[in-house]
Amino acid sequence: NYNNYNYNMYTYIPRSPVKSFQDLEVYQKLENIAVMVVKRLLPESANQHPRVQAIAEKLFDNLLAIPVIIASAHSRRFGKQNEAILKLDEAMLRCNVAVVYLEQYRDLRQTNSNDKIQMTNQTQNSKFKNADTERPNADIIRDCEHVPADNCVRPEPREGQGADVEFFEEQVKSLLFCRSKLLHLQMSWKKFAHPEAH
């Protein structure tokens, strides 16, 4: 009996046509992420250790480059389809790289003068047992470079860092989500470029 069937249960809402790269949702999201991260981290990065500053610069360069790459890919999608698809590969790679730099900056950034990188290696602990425990963070970073990665643990969030931790987590999730959106976009462009293969 279909007399009581609600034909309006699912309302179809067509998407706006993509007239330019600016209409791509993934472009809009990645442009927004780049602006938010640079605005948030650029002022504080100037006061970090030079190595951490270098990570911040690489992070900013990658984030700001991704929207440009998407715009470039979109302009090639008809005349040079293979180049456009490769450009999306580059954009996906930069999303992954940006996640790495974002996590490295989050874990190495100095938010106050007492910040330390925590180490669980007993040898390193014994090495420093007679040293001043309030050494600058930069010295700890240099020593940690010689410790196996498994022996360096992420510092526990300090009081008042909750908002910062949430900010970094949200950006990482957003970047990985956008990477998957880029993959779907690339697959649709491949179908358009080579319809006979599908």
Protein backbone atom coordinates (compact mmCIF):
# COMPACT_ATOMS: atom_id res chain seq x y z
CA ASN A 1 0.00 0.00 0.00
CA TYR A 2 1.72 3.19 -1.23
CA ASN A 3 -1.10 5.59 -0.35
CA ASN A 4 0.68 6.84 2.76
CA TYR A 5 4.15 7.00 1.27
CA ASN A 6 5.85 10.30 1.96
CA TYR A 7 7.38 11.37 -1.33
CA ASN A 8 8.95 14.42 0.33
CA MET A 9 10.94 12.37 2.85
CA TYR A 10 14.17 12.94 0.95
CA THR A 11 14.48 16.35 -0.63
CA TYR A 12 16.98 16.53 -3.45
CA ILE A 13 19.08 19.67 -3.32
CA PRO A 14 21.26 20.04 -6.42
CA ARG A 15 24.78 21.33 -5.94
CA SER A 16 25.77 24.66 -7.33
CA PRO A 17 27.60 24.30 -10.64
CA VAL A 18 31.38 24.58 -10.50
CA LYS A 19 32.20 27.59 -12.65
CA SER A 20 35.70 28.15 -11.30
CA PHE A 21 38.15 26.60 -8.85
CA GLN A 22 36.70 28.91 -6.19
CA ASP A 23 33.45 26.92 -6.31
CA LEU A 24 35.23 23.69 -5.32
CA GLU A 25 34.39 22.83 -1.73
CA VAL A 26 37.80 21.27 -1.14
CA TYR A 27 39.52 24.46 -2.35
CA GLN A 28 37.43 26.57 0.03
CA LYS A 29 38.18 24.30 2.99
CA LEU A 30 41.93 24.15 2.34
CA GLU A 31 42.16 27.90 1.80
CA ASN A 32 40.38 28.39 5.12
CA ILE A 33 42.71 25.95 6.92
CA ALA A 34 45.80 27.69 5.52
CA VAL A 35 44.62 31.14 6.61
CA MET A 36 43.58 29.97 10.10
CA VAL A 37 46.84 28.12 10.81
CA VAL A 38 49.12 30.89 9.53
CA LYS A 39 47.20 33.59 11.42
CA ARG A 40 47.26 31.53 14.60
CA LEU A 41 50.86 30.31 14.56
CA LEU A 42 52.84 32.99 12.71
CA PRO A 43 53.07 35.45 15.66
CA GLU A 44 54.21 32.82 18.18
CA SER A 45 56.57 31.04 15.77
CA ALA A 46 58.88 34.08 15.75
CA ASN A 47 59.75 33.35 19.39
CA GLN A 48 60.54 29.67 18.93
CA HIS A 49 63.85 27.83 18.64
CA PRO A 50 65.31 28.15 15.09
CA ARG A 51 64.61 24.47 14.35
CA VAL A 52 60.98 24.91 15.37
CA GLN A 53 60.80 28.09 13.30
CA ALA A 54 62.04 26.10 10.30
CA ILE A 55 59.25 23.56 10.83
CA ALA A 56 56.72 26.39 11.02
CA GLU A 57 58.01 27.87 7.76
CA LYS A 58 57.69 24.51 5.99
CA LEU A 59 54.20 24.11 7.42
CA PHE A 60 53.13 27.55 6.19
CA ASP A 61 54.68 26.99 2.74
CA ASN A 62 52.85 23.69 2.28
CA LEU A 63 49.49 24.95 3.49
CA LEU A 64 49.61 28.10 1.36
CA ALA A 65 50.72 26.14 -1.72
CA ILE A 66 47.83 23.64 -1.71
CA PRO A 67 45.06 26.05 -2.82
CA VAL A 68 47.37 27.37 -5.56
CA ILE A 69 47.99 23.82 -6.81
CA ILE A 70 44.24 23.10 -6.88
CA ALA A 71 43.62 26.29 -8.89
CA SER A 72 46.38 25.30 -11.29
CA ALA A 73 44.99 21.78 -11.65
CA HIS A 74 41.49 23.09 -12.33
CA SER A 75 42.74 25.27 -15.18
CA ARG A 76 44.34 22.21 -16.84
CA ARG A 77 41.48 19.72 -16.40
CA PHE A 78 40.25 20.02 -20.01
CA GLY A 79 43.30 20.73 -22.15
CA LYS A 80 45.92 18.84 -20.16
CA GLN A 81 44.01 16.25 -18.14
CA ASN A 82 47.03 14.16 -17.15
CA GLU A 83 48.84 17.22 -15.79
CA ALA A 84 45.72 18.20 -13.84
CA ILE A 85 45.52 14.74 -12.28
CA LEU A 86 49.21 14.86 -11.34
CA LYS A 87 48.65 18.27 -9.75
CA LEU A 88 45.98 16.75 -7.52
CA ASP A 89 48.52 14.07 -6.56
CA GLU A 90 50.85 16.86 -5.48
CA ALA A 91 48.08 18.53 -3.49
CA MET A 92 47.33 15.26 -1.66
CA LEU A 93 51.03 14.78 -0.91
CA ARG A 94 51.24 18.28 0.54
CA CYS A 95 48.21 17.59 2.74
CA ASN A 96 50.05 14.64 4.26
CA VAL A 97 53.27 16.62 4.65
CA ALA A 98 51.38 19.49 6.27
CA VAL A 99 49.91 17.08 8.83
CA VAL A 100 53.42 15.90 9.73
CA TYR A 101 54.76 19.45 10.15
CA LEU A 102 51.66 20.48 12.10
CA GLU A 103 52.14 17.63 14.57
CA GLN A 104 55.88 18.28 14.86
CA TYR A 105 55.31 21.96 15.54
CA ARG A 106 52.60 21.13 18.08
CA ASP A 107 54.90 18.79 19.99
CA LEU A 108 58.04 20.94 19.86
CA ARG A 109 56.64 24.42 20.30
CA GLN A 110 57.64 26.29 23.43
CA THR A 111 54.66 27.89 25.15
CA ASN A 112 56.55 29.01 28.27
CA SER A 113 60.12 29.21 29.54
CA ASN A 114 59.84 25.91 31.47
CA ASP A 115 58.85 23.72 28.51
CA LYS A 116 60.80 20.50 28.11
CA ILE A 117 60.77 17.60 25.71
CA GLN A 118 60.21 14.55 27.88
CA MET A 119 62.45 11.53 27.42
CA THR A 120 62.06 8.05 28.86
CA ASN A 121 65.50 6.79 27.93
CA GLN A 122 67.25 5.82 31.17
CA THR A 123 70.68 6.47 29.75
CA GLN A 124 69.75 10.01 28.87
CA ASN A 125 68.18 10.49 32.29
CA SER A 126 71.36 9.35 34.02
CA LYS A 127 73.39 11.61 31.75
CA PHE A 128 71.42 14.62 32.97
CA LYS A 129 70.96 13.58 36.63
CA ASN A 130 73.64 15.98 37.81
CA ALA A 131 72.80 18.69 35.31
CA ASP A 132 70.62 21.69 35.83
CA THR A 133 67.05 20.49 35.35
CA GLU A 134 65.96 23.90 34.14
CA ARG A 135 68.11 23.93 31.02
CA PRO A 136 66.65 25.83 28.04
CA ASN A 137 64.31 23.88 25.78
CA ALA A 138 66.71 24.29 22.84
CA ASP A 139 69.36 22.17 24.60
CA ILE A 140 66.87 19.40 25.24
CA ILE A 141 65.84 19.45 21.58
CA ARG A 142 69.45 19.01 20.46
CA ASP A 143 69.99 16.10 22.86
CA CYS A 144 66.74 14.45 21.80
CA GLU A 145 67.97 14.36 18.20
CA HIS A 146 70.36 11.58 19.24
CA VAL A 147 67.72 9.50 21.03
CA PRO A 148 65.73 6.81 19.16
CA ALA A 149 62.25 8.03 18.19
CA ASP A 150 60.54 5.44 20.42
CA ASN A 151 62.22 6.98 23.47
CA CYS A 152 60.85 10.47 22.89
CA VAL A 153 57.30 10.83 24.14
CA ARG A 154 54.86 13.62 23.48
CA PRO A 155 54.64 16.13 26.34
CA GLU A 156 51.42 16.04 28.31
CA PRO A 157 49.20 19.08 27.74
CA ARG A 158 49.75 21.70 30.43
CA GLU A 159 47.08 23.68 32.18
CA GLY A 160 45.51 26.18 29.81
CA GLN A 161 46.58 24.27 26.69
CA GLY A 162 43.22 22.62 26.08
CA ALA A 163 42.16 25.07 23.39
CA ASP A 164 45.53 24.74 21.65
CA VAL A 165 45.38 20.95 21.62
CA GLU A 166 41.86 21.03 20.23
CA PHE A 167 42.92 23.52 17.53
CA PHE A 168 45.76 21.28 16.30
CA GLU A 169 43.58 18.16 16.36
CA GLU A 170 40.85 19.87 14.35
CA GLN A 171 43.30 21.04 11.69
CA VAL A 172 44.83 17.57 11.37
CA LYS A 173 41.37 16.01 10.95
CA SER A 174 40.39 18.67 8.43
CA LEU A 175 43.55 18.15 6.36
CA LEU A 176 43.05 14.39 6.22
CA PHE A 177 39.39 14.87 5.30
CA CYS A 178 40.37 17.26 2.51
CA ARG A 179 42.91 14.77 1.26
CA SER A 180 40.14 12.19 0.82
CA LYS A 181 38.02 14.82 -0.97
CA LEU A 182 40.93 15.49 -3.34
CA LEU A 183 41.15 11.77 -4.07
CA HIS A 184 37.45 11.67 -4.98
CA LEU A 185 37.89 14.76 -7.16
CA GLN A 186 40.83 13.14 -8.90
CA MET A 187 38.82 9.96 -9.57
CA SER A 188 36.00 11.99 -11.14
CA TRP A 189 38.48 13.84 -13.35
CA LYS A 190 40.02 10.53 -14.43
CA LYS A 191 36.58 9.29 -15.50
CA PHE A 192 36.09 12.45 -17.52
CA ALA A 193 39.55 12.21 -19.12
CA HIS A 194 39.26 8.48 -19.93
CA PRO A 195 35.55 7.57 -20.12
CA GLU A 196 36.28 4.43 -22.13
CA ALA A 197 38.19 2.93 -19.18
CA HIS A 198 35.09 3.03 -16.94
